[in-house]
Amino acid sequence: MRLLPALAGVALCAFALPALAQAPAGCAPRVANSELVTPGTLTLSTNPTLPPMQFVDSSGALRGMRVELGAEIAKRLCLKVENVRVEFAAMIPGLAARRWDMINTGMFFTEERARLMQLVRYEQQAISISVPRGNPRNIREVKDLAGLSIGVEQGGFEFNRSQDILRQVTAAGGRAPTVRAFDNFAVSFQSLRVGQVDAAVSIDSTAKEYETRGDFARPISGLFPTPIAFGLRSRPLAEAVAKVLEEMRADGSYAALLERYGVRGWDAAFDVTGPTP
């Protein structure tokens, strides 16, 4: 994977969502303007297609655990917050092109990504398989996906793990599933809803949310557990974000927020992993 010097297409597919918080009056920003895309503002990229973590509600407002966490981090840094909606495939190139300061979309931590940007781990997630209500194909294990079609968002960790699922199925002697990549998770789940795919891959939190709503069943969960990380271009900004998270852990607000959404937090120190400046 290579970071691109420019990203001509991002302006066509991204748009700013309303700011969720303002810096407190008289609060001195904890990050220099030179480290930010827009002075005095923490600009976050998000793909709000993963309820309850990040989504757009019926009124058009941006909601979710990661949205609230991003706004709280900005507030504690004494910065305004701006959220930019963009498909995941454009996020890493857009970060390099200074379109946003931080990727806040539930990006899984990988060593490859740690060579490209600054990462701050803050959450634990795993992969689930969702199927139509009632589980008509009686899927119980990964091997039961043999010969079926699976929907997933293109370009991310989940897509890569879908390839691992494919290999697991064939190693067990089954016919390889067909993996269909979509622009985002919302389209993938819509395809599952109308029967264009037999199953959909997503994170545990989102699959559980859809199961709770009664939209889909979740027969398989807990696959490939991996930490979630913020992605940043600026090392000083990443260090400031890590410090805020430590402060939130100390005062209990970090645990309270994640517990409200049923999400497991990061148990180790909020350190910064990435290229040395």
Protein backbone atom coordinates (compact mmCIF):
# COMPACT_ATOMS: atom_id res chain seq x y z
CA MET A 1 0.00 0.00 0.00
CA ARG A 2 1.32 3.43 -0.93
CA LEU A 3 0.27 6.86 0.26
CA LEU A 4 -0.67 9.09 -2.64
CA PRO A 5 0.63 12.68 -2.87
CA ALA A 6 -2.75 13.96 -4.02
CA LEU A 7 -6.35 12.78 -4.06
CA ALA A 8 -8.34 14.38 -6.83
CA GLY A 9 -11.45 12.26 -6.27
CA VAL A 10 -11.98 13.00 -2.59
CA ALA A 11 -13.60 16.38 -3.21
CA LEU A 12 -16.22 14.59 -5.31
CA CYS A 13 -17.21 12.00 -2.74
CA ALA A 14 -16.67 13.75 0.60
CA PHE A 15 -18.75 16.40 2.31
CA ALA A 16 -18.56 18.05 5.68
CA LEU A 17 -21.15 17.12 8.26
CA PRO A 18 -22.28 19.66 10.86
CA ALA A 19 -19.83 20.34 13.68
CA LEU A 20 -20.78 18.54 16.88
CA ALA A 21 -18.90 20.57 19.48
CA GLN A 22 -17.13 23.85 19.96
CA ALA A 23 -13.95 24.50 21.89
CA PRO A 24 -14.72 26.00 25.31
CA ALA A 25 -14.37 29.77 25.51
CA GLY A 26 -10.93 30.82 26.72
CA CYS A 27 -9.46 27.35 26.24
CA ALA A 28 -5.95 27.35 24.75
CA PRO A 29 -5.50 24.76 21.96
CA ARG A 30 -3.14 21.97 22.93
CA VAL A 31 -1.96 21.43 19.35
CA ALA A 32 -0.18 23.94 17.12
CA ASN A 33 -2.10 25.14 14.07
CA SER A 34 0.78 23.92 11.91
CA GLU A 35 -0.24 20.35 12.81
CA LEU A 36 -3.85 20.87 11.66
CA VAL A 37 -5.53 21.06 8.28
CA THR A 38 -7.65 23.99 9.48
CA PRO A 39 -6.39 26.19 12.33
CA GLY A 40 -8.32 25.64 15.54
CA THR A 41 -10.23 22.66 14.15
CA LEU A 42 -9.83 18.91 14.43
CA THR A 43 -10.97 17.53 11.08
CA LEU A 44 -12.07 13.89 11.22
CA SER A 45 -12.89 11.54 8.35
CA THR A 46 -15.70 9.08 8.93
CA ASN A 47 -17.73 6.55 6.99
CA PRO A 48 -21.04 6.61 8.90
CA THR A 49 -22.41 3.27 7.75
CA LEU A 50 -21.73 1.23 10.91
CA PRO A 51 -24.44 1.71 13.55
CA PRO A 52 -24.15 2.12 16.50
CA MET A 53 -20.49 3.17 16.12
CA GLN A 54 -20.97 5.82 13.45
CA PHE A 55 -24.12 6.48 11.47
CA VAL A 56 -26.52 9.17 10.24
CA ASP A 57 -29.88 9.14 12.01
CA SER A 58 -33.30 9.79 10.49
CA SER A 59 -32.91 13.54 10.99
CA GLY A 60 -29.59 13.61 9.12
CA ALA A 61 -27.48 14.03 12.26
CA LEU A 62 -24.21 12.18 12.74
CA ARG A 63 -24.36 9.83 15.73
CA GLY A 64 -22.50 6.97 17.38
CA MET A 65 -19.83 6.05 19.89
CA ARG A 66 -16.88 7.04 17.71
CA VAL A 67 -18.57 10.30 16.78
CA GLU A 68 -18.99 11.15 20.48
CA LEU A 69 -15.43 10.10 21.25
CA GLY A 70 -14.03 12.23 18.43
CA ALA A 71 -16.01 15.25 19.61
CA GLU A 72 -14.82 14.78 23.20
CA ILE A 73 -11.20 14.51 22.10
CA ALA A 74 -11.52 17.73 20.10
CA LYS A 75 -13.15 19.48 23.06
CA ARG A 76 -10.34 18.46 25.41
CA LEU A 77 -7.77 19.62 22.87
CA CYS A 78 -9.59 22.98 22.85
CA LEU A 79 -10.42 22.59 19.18
CA LYS A 80 -13.60 22.73 17.15
CA VAL A 81 -14.55 19.45 15.46
CA GLU A 82 -15.49 18.92 11.84
CA ASN A 83 -16.54 15.53 10.47
CA VAL A 84 -16.03 14.74 6.80
CA ARG A 85 -17.93 11.83 5.30
CA VAL A 86 -15.91 9.76 2.83
CA GLU A 87 -15.67 6.16 1.69
CA PHE A 88 -12.99 4.19 3.49
CA ALA A 89 -10.91 3.56 0.35
CA ALA A 90 -10.15 7.29 0.13
CA MET A 91 -9.26 7.86 3.79
CA ILE A 92 -5.58 6.93 3.90
CA PRO A 93 -4.68 8.78 0.68
CA GLY A 94 -6.74 11.74 1.93
CA LEU A 95 -4.83 11.78 5.20
CA ALA A 96 -1.54 12.04 3.31
CA ALA A 97 -3.00 14.79 1.13
CA ARG A 98 -3.94 16.84 4.25
CA ARG A 99 -7.68 16.61 3.65
CA TRP A 100 -8.28 15.65 7.31
CA ASP A 101 -6.28 15.36 10.51
CA MET A 102 -7.51 12.03 11.81
CA ILE A 103 -9.23 8.92 10.47
CA ASN A 104 -12.10 8.19 12.84
CA THR A 105 -13.98 5.34 11.23
CA GLY A 106 -13.07 2.24 13.24
CA MET A 107 -9.90 1.42 11.31
CA PHE A 108 -8.33 -1.89 12.33
CA PHE A 109 -4.70 -1.76 13.46
CA THR A 110 -2.23 -3.49 11.14
CA GLU A 111 1.56 -3.36 10.95
CA GLU A 112 1.29 -2.21 7.35
CA ARG A 113 -0.80 0.79 8.36
CA ALA A 114 1.62 1.55 11.20
CA ARG A 115 4.32 2.03 8.56
CA LEU A 116 2.18 4.57 6.73
CA MET A 117 0.77 6.79 9.48
CA GLN A 118 0.58 7.39 13.22
CA LEU A 119 -1.84 5.02 14.94
CA VAL A 120 -3.42 5.26 18.39
CA ARG A 121 -5.25 2.11 19.47
CA TYR A 122 -8.40 2.73 21.56
CA GLU A 123 -10.93 -0.07 21.01
CA GLN A 124 -11.19 -3.85 20.55
CA GLN A 125 -13.30 -5.34 17.78
CA ALA A 126 -13.77 -8.59 15.87
CA ILE A 127 -15.60 -9.78 12.76
CA SER A 128 -19.14 -11.16 12.52
CA ILE A 129 -21.13 -12.86 9.79
CA SER A 130 -24.72 -11.63 9.36
CA VAL A 131 -27.41 -13.57 7.49
CA PRO A 132 -31.14 -13.10 6.81
CA ARG A 133 -33.55 -13.36 9.74
CA GLY A 134 -34.19 -16.92 10.77
CA ASN A 135 -30.86 -18.06 9.32
CA PRO A 136 -32.56 -20.02 6.50
CA ARG A 137 -29.30 -21.69 5.41
CA ASN A 138 -28.55 -22.83 8.97
CA ILE A 139 -25.09 -21.25 9.03
CA ARG A 140 -23.28 -22.07 12.29
CA GLU A 141 -19.59 -22.16 11.39
CA VAL A 142 -17.32 -20.60 8.78
CA LYS A 143 -17.30 -23.86 6.79
CA ASP A 144 -21.07 -23.48 6.31
CA LEU A 145 -20.41 -20.52 3.99
CA ALA A 146 -19.20 -22.89 1.26
CA GLY A 147 -20.57 -21.93 -2.14
CA LEU A 148 -22.43 -18.87 -0.83
CA SER A 149 -22.01 -15.19 -1.72
CA ILE A 150 -20.65 -12.80 0.94
CA GLY A 151 -20.92 -9.01 0.90
CA VAL A 152 -18.29 -6.74 2.44
CA GLU A 153 -16.97 -3.18 2.19
CA GLN A 154 -14.11 -2.88 -0.27
CA GLY A 155 -10.56 -1.94 0.63
CA GLY A 156 -10.49 -2.53 4.37
CA PHE A 157 -9.56 -5.03 7.04
CA GLU A 158 -12.89 -6.78 6.73
CA PHE A 159 -12.35 -7.37 3.01
CA ASN A 160 -8.94 -8.90 3.71
CA ARG A 161 -10.43 -11.13 6.39
CA SER A 162 -13.14 -12.23 3.95
CA GLN A 163 -10.32 -13.63 1.83
CA ASP A 164 -9.12 -15.51 4.91
CA ILE A 165 -12.64 -16.88 5.35
CA LEU A 166 -12.59 -18.02 1.73
CA ARG A 167 -9.34 -19.89 2.34
CA GLN A 168 -10.67 -21.47 5.54
CA VAL A 169 -13.70 -22.79 3.68
CA THR A 170 -11.65 -24.30 0.87
CA ALA A 171 -9.14 -25.77 3.34
CA ALA A 172 -12.07 -27.59 4.98
CA GLY A 173 -12.98 -29.07 1.59
CA GLY A 174 -15.82 -26.71 0.74
CA ARG A 175 -16.48 -24.75 -2.44
CA ALA A 176 -15.06 -21.25 -2.22
CA PRO A 177 -17.61 -18.53 -1.37
CA THR A 178 -18.02 -15.62 -3.76
CA VAL A 179 -16.92 -12.37 -2.11
CA ARG A 180 -18.67 -9.25 -3.40
CA ALA A 181 -17.08 -5.93 -2.49
CA PHE A 182 -19.30 -2.84 -2.08
CA ASP A 183 -18.52 0.85 -1.61
CA ASN A 184 -19.56 0.73 2.04
CA PHE A 185 -21.24 -1.45 4.65
CA ALA A 186 -24.66 0.14 4.16
CA VAL A 187 -24.75 -1.04 0.55
CA SER A 188 -23.49 -4.47 1.58
CA PHE A 189 -26.27 -4.89 4.14
CA GLN A 190 -28.86 -3.59 1.69
CA SER A 191 -27.71 -6.26 -0.75
CA LEU A 192 -28.17 -8.86 2.00
CA ARG A 193 -31.64 -7.48 2.74
CA VAL A 194 -32.81 -7.90 -0.87
CA GLY A 195 -31.16 -11.29 -1.36
CA GLN A 196 -28.30 -10.30 -3.65
CA VAL A 197 -25.83 -11.91 -1.22
CA ASP A 198 -26.28 -14.72 1.30
CA ALA A 199 -24.22 -13.21 4.13
CA ALA A 200 -22.45 -9.99 5.08
CA VAL A 201 -19.18 -9.38 6.91
CA SER A 202 -18.93 -6.51 9.41
CA ILE A 203 -17.64 -5.73 12.89
CA ASP A 204 -19.20 -7.39 15.92
CA SER A 205 -20.81 -4.18 17.21
CA THR A 206 -22.67 -3.48 13.97
CA ALA A 207 -23.79 -7.07 13.43
CA LYS A 208 -25.05 -7.17 17.01
CA GLU A 209 -26.94 -3.90 16.50
CA TYR A 210 -28.71 -5.26 13.40
CA GLU A 211 -29.49 -8.49 15.27
CA THR A 212 -30.96 -6.54 18.20
CA ARG A 213 -33.12 -4.53 15.81
CA GLY A 214 -34.39 -7.77 14.28
CA ASP A 215 -33.01 -6.93 10.82
CA PHE A 216 -30.59 -9.84 10.48
CA ALA A 217 -29.30 -12.86 12.39
CA ARG A 218 -25.69 -13.14 13.60
CA PRO A 219 -24.70 -16.81 13.72
CA ILE A 220 -20.93 -16.21 13.72
CA SER A 221 -19.01 -13.59 15.70
CA GLY A 222 -15.66 -12.99 17.37
CA LEU A 223 -13.54 -13.76 14.30
CA PHE A 224 -10.05 -12.23 13.96
CA PRO A 225 -10.07 -10.04 17.11
CA THR A 226 -7.93 -6.96 16.46
CA PRO A 227 -7.59 -3.48 18.01
CA ILE A 228 -9.15 -0.43 16.37
CA ALA A 229 -7.03 2.69 15.94
CA PHE A 230 -7.21 6.34 15.02
CA GLY A 231 -4.98 7.17 12.06
CA LEU A 232 -3.11 10.50 12.00
CA ARG A 233 -0.50 12.17 9.84
CA SER A 234 0.97 14.37 12.60
CA ARG A 235 3.00 12.77 15.38
CA PRO A 236 2.46 15.70 17.80
CA LEU A 237 -1.29 15.53 17.22
CA ALA A 238 -1.26 11.75 17.73
CA GLU A 239 0.61 12.18 21.01
CA ALA A 240 -1.91 14.81 22.13
CA VAL A 241 -4.81 12.48 21.28
CA ALA A 242 -3.16 9.64 23.22
CA LYS A 243 -2.77 11.92 26.23
CA VAL A 244 -6.44 12.91 26.09
CA LEU A 245 -7.44 9.26 26.03
CA GLU A 246 -5.30 8.61 29.11
CA GLU A 247 -7.02 11.54 30.84
CA MET A 248 -10.43 10.14 29.89
CA ARG A 249 -9.44 6.75 31.25
CA ALA A 250 -8.32 8.34 34.52
CA ASP A 251 -11.55 10.27 35.04
CA GLY A 252 -13.79 7.36 34.01
CA SER A 253 -15.37 8.99 30.96
CA TYR A 254 -13.64 6.65 28.50
CA ALA A 255 -14.99 3.50 30.15
CA ALA A 256 -18.44 5.05 30.62
CA LEU A 257 -18.75 5.92 26.92
CA LEU A 258 -17.65 2.51 25.66
CA GLU A 259 -19.76 0.64 28.19
CA ARG A 260 -22.83 2.57 27.09
CA TYR A 261 -22.33 1.10 23.62
CA GLY A 262 -21.25 -2.35 24.81
CA VAL A 263 -17.77 -1.96 23.35
CA ARG A 264 -14.57 -3.36 24.82
CA GLY A 265 -11.87 -0.73 25.32
CA TRP A 266 -8.12 -0.88 24.79
CA ASP A 267 -6.54 -2.29 27.95
CA ALA A 268 -2.93 -1.24 27.39
CA ALA A 269 -1.39 2.25 27.32
CA PHE A 270 -2.62 4.67 24.67
CA ASP A 271 0.71 4.86 22.89
CA VAL A 272 1.52 6.10 19.38
CA THR A 273 2.71 3.60 16.80
CA GLY A 274 3.99 4.87 13.48
CA PRO A 275 6.90 6.23 11.44
CA THR A 276 9.45 8.25 13.39
CA PRO A 277 9.34 11.89 12.20
